[in-house]
Amino acid sequence: MYYVTAKNIFLSGWGRAGKFDCYVCIICKTRHEASIVAVNAQYRSDLQRVKIHSKIPLSLTEDTLKVGRHILTAYIVKVLDKTTEPKLFMPNYFQYRSKPKILKR
């Protein structure tokens, strides 16, 4: 198993997160899946500090590593997988951040 982590800057510090930073942890089965997810996460403007881990990251343990939202000491972790975020697993899905410009004649 591989784990891709990233800080969600859009959800950190307000709303349900409160004072906490919000991180996402995406569970991947293979290194290839993890690299696709990491590239897609880097193209998203709301995710920063994208990293691939081969061990369980962010002080999560085997029994708490399930899909959902976990409040830890200084941050909140949202655990995702292929069923909850299928677009992250599609190669080059977030490559084009904006729509192509239509040239006027």
Protein backbone atom coordinates (compact mmCIF):
# COMPACT_ATOMS: atom_id res chain seq x y z
CA MET A 1 0.00 0.00 0.00
CA TYR A 2 1.06 3.56 -0.74
CA TYR A 3 -0.31 6.76 0.71
CA VAL A 4 -0.41 10.18 -0.95
CA THR A 5 -0.75 13.08 1.47
CA ALA A 6 -1.40 16.75 0.80
CA LYS A 7 -2.45 19.83 2.76
CA ASN A 8 -5.82 21.18 1.70
CA ILE A 9 -5.35 24.95 1.92
CA PHE A 10 -8.96 25.67 1.01
CA LEU A 11 -10.44 23.79 3.98
CA SER A 12 -7.74 24.62 6.55
CA GLY A 13 -8.38 27.13 9.32
CA TRP A 14 -12.12 27.74 9.03
CA GLY A 15 -15.52 26.01 9.09
CA ARG A 16 -15.51 22.46 10.42
CA ALA A 17 -11.70 22.47 10.54
CA GLY A 18 -11.71 25.36 13.02
CA LYS A 19 -8.12 26.28 13.93
CA PHE A 20 -6.73 23.05 12.50
CA ASP A 21 -4.94 22.39 9.23
CA CYS A 22 -6.78 19.97 6.97
CA TYR A 23 -4.83 17.19 5.25
CA VAL A 24 -5.97 14.52 2.83
CA CYS A 25 -4.55 11.02 2.76
CA ILE A 26 -5.33 9.04 -0.39
CA ILE A 27 -4.86 5.27 -0.16
CA CYS A 28 -3.34 3.67 -3.28
CA LYS A 29 -2.70 0.01 -4.02
CA THR A 30 0.40 0.39 -6.22
CA ARG A 31 3.27 2.83 -6.66
CA HIS A 32 1.98 3.58 -10.18
CA GLU A 33 -1.44 4.60 -8.80
CA ALA A 34 0.27 6.74 -6.18
CA SER A 35 2.32 8.57 -8.80
CA ILE A 36 -0.82 9.28 -10.88
CA VAL A 37 -2.62 10.60 -7.80
CA ALA A 38 0.39 12.74 -6.81
CA VAL A 39 0.62 14.34 -10.27
CA ASN A 40 -3.12 15.06 -10.29
CA ALA A 41 -2.95 16.51 -6.78
CA GLN A 42 -0.11 18.82 -7.79
CA TYR A 43 -2.26 20.25 -10.58
CA ARG A 44 -5.02 21.14 -8.12
CA SER A 45 -4.71 24.62 -6.66
CA ASP A 46 -6.22 23.66 -3.28
CA LEU A 47 -3.66 20.93 -2.49
CA GLN A 48 -0.10 21.71 -1.42
CA ARG A 49 2.84 19.71 -0.04
CA VAL A 50 1.99 16.56 -2.00
CA LYS A 51 4.04 13.53 -0.88
CA ILE A 52 4.05 9.79 -1.50
CA HIS A 53 4.60 7.49 1.49
CA SER A 54 5.19 3.75 1.61
CA LYS A 55 4.31 3.63 5.33
CA ILE A 56 1.24 4.97 7.11
CA PRO A 57 1.74 8.74 7.49
CA LEU A 58 0.49 11.49 9.79
CA SER A 59 0.33 9.43 12.99
CA LEU A 60 -2.51 7.32 11.62
CA THR A 61 -2.63 3.72 12.76
CA GLU A 62 -4.04 0.64 11.06
CA ASP A 63 -7.27 0.77 13.06
CA THR A 64 -7.92 4.49 12.37
CA LEU A 65 -6.98 4.33 8.70
CA LYS A 66 -10.45 4.07 7.22
CA VAL A 67 -12.31 6.36 4.88
CA GLY A 68 -13.64 9.32 6.82
CA ARG A 69 -12.52 12.33 8.85
CA HIS A 70 -10.12 12.04 11.77
CA ILE A 71 -9.24 14.81 14.22
CA LEU A 72 -5.69 14.47 15.47
CA THR A 73 -3.70 16.74 17.80
CA ALA A 74 -2.97 19.65 15.47
CA TYR A 75 -4.67 18.77 12.23
CA ILE A 76 -7.65 17.03 10.62
CA VAL A 77 -7.10 14.18 8.19
CA LYS A 78 -9.63 13.24 5.54
CA VAL A 79 -8.90 9.73 4.29
CA LEU A 80 -9.89 9.03 0.67
CA ASP A 81 -9.62 6.06 -1.67
CA LYS A 82 -10.47 5.10 -5.25
CA THR A 83 -14.20 4.84 -4.54
CA THR A 84 -14.53 8.27 -2.88
CA GLU A 85 -12.27 10.25 -5.28
CA PRO A 86 -12.12 8.38 -8.61
CA LYS A 87 -11.04 11.48 -10.58
CA LEU A 88 -7.71 11.62 -8.75
CA PHE A 89 -6.87 8.16 -10.12
CA MET A 90 -7.45 9.12 -13.79
CA PRO A 91 -4.18 10.05 -15.55
CA ASN A 92 -3.92 13.77 -16.47
CA TYR A 93 -7.44 14.52 -15.22
CA PHE A 94 -6.51 17.88 -13.66
CA GLN A 95 -3.86 18.79 -16.24
CA TYR A 96 -5.86 21.64 -17.73
CA ARG A 97 -6.68 24.02 -14.90
CA SER A 98 -8.74 26.38 -17.02
CA LYS A 99 -10.87 26.02 -20.09
CA PRO A 100 -9.08 26.67 -23.37
CA LYS A 101 -9.50 30.21 -24.66
CA ILE A 102 -11.74 30.66 -27.66
CA LEU A 103 -10.22 33.04 -30.15
CA LYS A 104 -12.55 35.67 -31.57
CA ARG A 105 -12.48 36.45 -35.26
